[in-house]
Each structure stands twice: as C-alpha cells, then as structure tokens.
C-alpha atoms as a PDB file:
ATOM      1  CA  GLN A   1       0.000   0.000   0.000  1.00  0.00           C
ATOM      2  CA  MET A   2       3.080   2.163  -0.366  1.00  0.00           C
ATOM      3  CA  ILE A   3       3.180   3.166   3.309  1.00  0.00           C
ATOM      4  CA  PRO A   4       6.710   4.170   4.322  1.00  0.00           C
ATOM      5  CA  ALA A   5       8.471   1.579   6.485  1.00  0.00           C
ATOM      6  CA  ASP A   6       9.138   4.133   9.219  1.00  0.00           C
ATOM      7  CA  MET A   7       5.360   4.487   9.660  1.00  0.00           C
ATOM      8  CA  GLU A   8       4.852   0.713   9.900  1.00  0.00           C
ATOM      9  CA  TRP A   9       7.301   0.068  12.760  1.00  0.00           C
ATOM     10  CA  ASP A  10       6.275   1.708  16.010  1.00  0.00           C
ATOM     11  CA  GLY A  11       7.916  -0.282  18.805  1.00  0.00           C
ATOM     12  CA  ILE A  12       4.650  -1.911  19.918  1.00  0.00           C
ATOM     13  CA  ASP A  13       5.184  -5.095  17.910  1.00  0.00           C
ATOM     14  CA  PRO A  14       7.024  -7.041  20.648  1.00  0.00           C
ATOM     15  CA  ASP A  15       4.054  -6.604  23.015  1.00  0.00           C
ATOM     16  CA  SER A  16       1.335  -7.252  20.420  1.00  0.00           C
ATOM     17  CA  VAL A  17      -0.476 -10.398  19.338  1.00  0.00           C
ATOM     18  CA  HIS A  18       0.175 -11.128  15.670  1.00  0.00           C
ATOM     19  CA  ALA A  19      -1.867 -13.279  13.301  1.00  0.00           C
ATOM     20  CA  LEU A  20      -0.413 -14.543  10.040  1.00  0.00           C
ATOM     21  CA  ALA A  21      -2.161 -16.762   7.519  1.00  0.00           C
ATOM     22  CA  CYS A  22       0.041 -18.582   5.016  1.00  0.00           C
ATOM     23  CA  ASN A  23      -0.662 -21.017   2.217  1.00  0.00           C
ATOM     24  CA  ARG A  24       0.735 -24.553   2.193  1.00  0.00           C
ATOM     25  CA  PHE A  25       3.985 -23.265   0.672  1.00  0.00           C
ATOM     26  CA  GLY A  26       4.519 -20.813   3.519  1.00  0.00           C
ATOM     27  CA  VAL A  27       3.616 -17.747   1.452  1.00  0.00           C
ATOM     28  CA  PRO A  28       1.958 -15.065   3.629  1.00  0.00           C
ATOM     29  CA  LEU A  29      -1.618 -14.320   2.551  1.00  0.00           C
ATOM     30  CA  ALA A  30      -3.001 -12.163   5.368  1.00  0.00           C
ATOM     31  CA  THR A  31      -1.859 -10.589   8.602  1.00  0.00           C
ATOM     32  CA  GLY A  32      -3.028  -8.431  11.472  1.00  0.00           C
ATOM     33  CA  ARG A  33      -2.041  -7.404  14.970  1.00  0.00           C
ATOM     34  CA  LEU A  34      -3.790  -6.841  18.273  1.00  0.00           C
ATOM     35  CA  LEU A  35      -2.716  -4.553  21.074  1.00  0.00           C
ATOM     36  CA  GLU A  36      -4.223  -3.103  24.207  1.00  0.00           C
ATOM     37  CA  HIS A  37      -5.519   0.395  23.438  1.00  0.00           C
ATOM     38  CA  VAL A  38      -6.605   1.070  27.022  1.00  0.00           C
ATOM     39  CA  PRO A  39      -7.518  -1.506  29.683  1.00  0.00           C
ATOM     40  CA  GLY A  40     -10.431  -3.573  28.395  1.00  0.00           C
ATOM     41  CA  VAL A  41     -10.231  -2.217  24.842  1.00  0.00           C
ATOM     42  CA  ALA A  42      -8.385  -4.058  22.106  1.00  0.00           C
ATOM     43  CA  LYS A  43      -7.052  -2.263  19.053  1.00  0.00           C
ATOM     44  CA  ILE A  44      -6.690  -4.166  15.815  1.00  0.00           C
ATOM     45  CA  GLY A  45      -4.297  -2.870  13.218  1.00  0.00           C
ATOM     46  CA  ARG A  46      -1.908  -3.749  10.461  1.00  0.00           C
ATOM     47  CA  MET A  47      -4.598  -5.819   8.752  1.00  0.00           C
ATOM     48  CA  ALA A  48      -3.458  -6.686   5.255  1.00  0.00           C
ATOM     49  CA  VAL A  49      -4.652  -9.314   2.805  1.00  0.00           C
ATOM     50  CA  LEU A  50      -2.962 -10.198  -0.465  1.00  0.00           C
ATOM     51  CA  ALA A  51      -5.096  -8.591  -3.185  1.00  0.00           C
ATOM     52  CA  SER A  52      -5.766 -11.907  -4.930  1.00  0.00           C
ATOM     53  CA  MET A  53      -7.087 -13.386  -1.659  1.00  0.00           C
ATOM     54  CA  ARG A  54      -9.493 -10.636  -0.632  1.00  0.00           C
ATOM     55  CA  SER A  55     -12.651 -12.560  -1.483  1.00  0.00           C
ATOM     56  CA  SER A  56     -11.465 -15.843   0.039  1.00  0.00           C
ATOM     57  CA  ARG A  57     -12.458 -15.215   3.698  1.00  0.00           C
ATOM     58  CA  ILE A  58      -8.812 -15.458   4.788  1.00  0.00           C
ATOM     59  CA  GLY A  59      -8.968 -11.866   6.037  1.00  0.00           C
ATOM     60  CA  ARG A  60     -12.058 -12.718   8.082  1.00  0.00           C
ATOM     61  CA  ALA A  61     -10.229 -15.694   9.583  1.00  0.00           C
ATOM     62  CA  VAL A  62      -7.359 -13.443  10.680  1.00  0.00           C
ATOM     63  CA  LEU A  63      -9.804 -10.879  12.104  1.00  0.00           C
ATOM     64  CA  ASP A  64     -11.752 -13.581  13.950  1.00  0.00           C
ATOM     65  CA  ALA A  65      -8.530 -14.984  15.448  1.00  0.00           C
ATOM     66  CA  LEU A  66      -7.549 -11.540  16.732  1.00  0.00           C
ATOM     67  CA  LEU A  67     -11.027 -10.950  18.182  1.00  0.00           C
ATOM     68  CA  GLN A  68     -10.872 -14.329  19.927  1.00  0.00           C
ATOM     69  CA  SER A  69      -7.502 -13.432  21.444  1.00  0.00           C
ATOM     70  CA  ALA A  70      -8.991 -10.169  22.701  1.00  0.00           C
ATOM     71  CA  ARG A  71     -11.924 -12.013  24.277  1.00  0.00           C
ATOM     72  CA  GLU A  72      -9.599 -14.535  25.921  1.00  0.00           C
ATOM     73  CA  ARG A  73      -7.606 -11.806  27.614  1.00  0.00           C
ATOM     74  CA  GLY A  74     -10.796 -10.172  28.873  1.00  0.00           C
ATOM     75  CA  ASP A  75     -11.238  -7.216  26.544  1.00  0.00           C
ATOM     76  CA  ARG A  76     -14.827  -5.966  26.296  1.00  0.00           C
ATOM     77  CA  GLU A  77     -14.512  -3.860  23.125  1.00  0.00           C
ATOM     78  CA  ALA A  78     -12.429  -3.829  19.963  1.00  0.00           C
ATOM     79  CA  LEU A  79     -11.641  -0.812  17.831  1.00  0.00           C
ATOM     80  CA  LEU A  80      -9.745  -0.251  14.621  1.00  0.00           C
ATOM     81  CA  HIS A  81      -8.983   2.411  12.059  1.00  0.00           C
ATOM     82  CA  ALA A  82     -10.461   1.068   8.834  1.00  0.00           C
ATOM     83  CA  GLN A  83      -9.509   2.320   5.430  1.00  0.00           C
ATOM     84  CA  CYS A  84     -12.786   3.651   4.069  1.00  0.00           C
ATOM     85  CA  SER A  85     -12.627   1.150   1.217  1.00  0.00           C
ATOM     86  CA  ALA A  86     -12.486  -1.692   3.782  1.00  0.00           C
ATOM     87  CA  ALA A  87     -15.240  -0.378   6.088  1.00  0.00           C
ATOM     88  CA  PRO A  88     -17.886  -2.718   4.572  1.00  0.00           C
ATOM     89  CA  PHE A  89     -15.647  -5.719   5.378  1.00  0.00           C
ATOM     90  CA  TYR A  90     -15.470  -4.695   9.040  1.00  0.00           C
ATOM     91  CA  ALA A  91     -19.194  -3.845   9.133  1.00  0.00           C
ATOM     92  CA  ARG A  92     -19.954  -7.434   8.074  1.00  0.00           C
ATOM     93  CA  ALA A  93     -17.876  -8.550  11.079  1.00  0.00           C
ATOM     94  CA  GLY A  94     -20.036  -6.513  13.469  1.00  0.00           C
ATOM     95  CA  PHE A  95     -18.077  -3.250  13.628  1.00  0.00           C
ATOM     96  CA  SER A  96     -19.841   0.136  13.534  1.00  0.00           C
ATOM     97  CA  GLU A  97     -18.381   3.425  12.384  1.00  0.00           C
ATOM     98  CA  ARG A  98     -17.659   5.997  15.083  1.00  0.00           C
ATOM     99  CA  GLY A  99     -16.676   9.552  14.264  1.00  0.00           C
ATOM    100  CA  PRO A 100     -15.714  11.377  11.096  1.00  0.00           C
ATOM    101  CA  VAL A 101     -13.431  10.241   8.293  1.00  0.00           C
ATOM    102  CA  PHE A 102      -9.783  11.148   8.875  1.00  0.00           C
ATOM    103  CA  GLU A 103      -6.535  10.721   7.004  1.00  0.00           C
ATOM    104  CA  GLU A 104      -3.861   8.306   8.141  1.00  0.00           C
ATOM    105  CA  ALA A 105      -0.729   7.720   6.030  1.00  0.00           C
ATOM    106  CA  GLY A 106      -2.425   9.657   3.222  1.00  0.00           C
ATOM    107  CA  ILE A 107      -5.402   7.254   3.123  1.00  0.00           C
ATOM    108  CA  PRO A 108      -8.983   8.050   4.282  1.00  0.00           C
ATOM    109  CA  HIS A 109      -9.921   6.057   7.396  1.00  0.00           C
ATOM    110  CA  VAL A 110     -12.802   5.802   9.827  1.00  0.00           C
ATOM    111  CA  GLU A 111     -12.730   4.523  13.397  1.00  0.00           C
ATOM    112  CA  MET A 112     -14.873   1.423  13.897  1.00  0.00           C
ATOM    113  CA  VAL A 113     -15.829  -0.379  17.110  1.00  0.00           C
ATOM    114  CA  ARG A 114     -17.656  -3.482  18.307  1.00  0.00           C
ATOM    115  CA  THR A 115     -18.379  -5.075  21.615  1.00  0.00           C
ATOM    116  CA  LEU A 116     -16.883  -8.437  22.428  1.00  0.00           C
END
C-alpha cells in the first residue's frame, strides 16, 4: 500500500499479538495485529490481505482470530482504524463506524468499534 516503512514500525510489535495466515507453501496471505488500546479495549491494526485473496475469507479468519484473542484476555470492546474502502468488510464482522473520516498515512480512514 506504499506506506513508508518508518510508519509501519512503532515499537509496539514485541508486546502485540500477531496473526499470520500462510498457504501450504509458507507464502503469507493475510496478517493483522492486536494490542491493548486502554484496559479492556483491544485495538486491531496492520490488517493486510494479499489482493488476490481478498474474497477468500482469509482476512475474516485473521480478524476472527484476533477478536478471539482479545476475548480470551478479557477485553470488552475492539476498535480499529479502517480504510474507508475496507469499512464494509469490518461492518460485516459486526463493527460500527464511530466519528468522522480522517486521514492516516495519506489514506482516508474511519474509526470502527464493536463489543466483544
């Protein structure tokens, strides 16, 4: 998505939960990460799905795995910053838009939340 590497690495990775889906050859197909936003609130980010796999449900599997991890650690809500083009994907997973559209890394986003 042409996001500069210095914007991708933020020092939170070592303390985050990461999900990675690969094919049988070990090729990464989808990824995402989960961190604690504030106590009881999970934040999902770094969701990415290989373009050719976006209608395969692999992204949903990664999202569901992250949501399950959040539930298991006792979080009561999950939030994320969805690219506006991906908002329908997250809406199908039970997320609702909250607040106005904003720009992040030069891409329009909207905050979305759901209860766990």
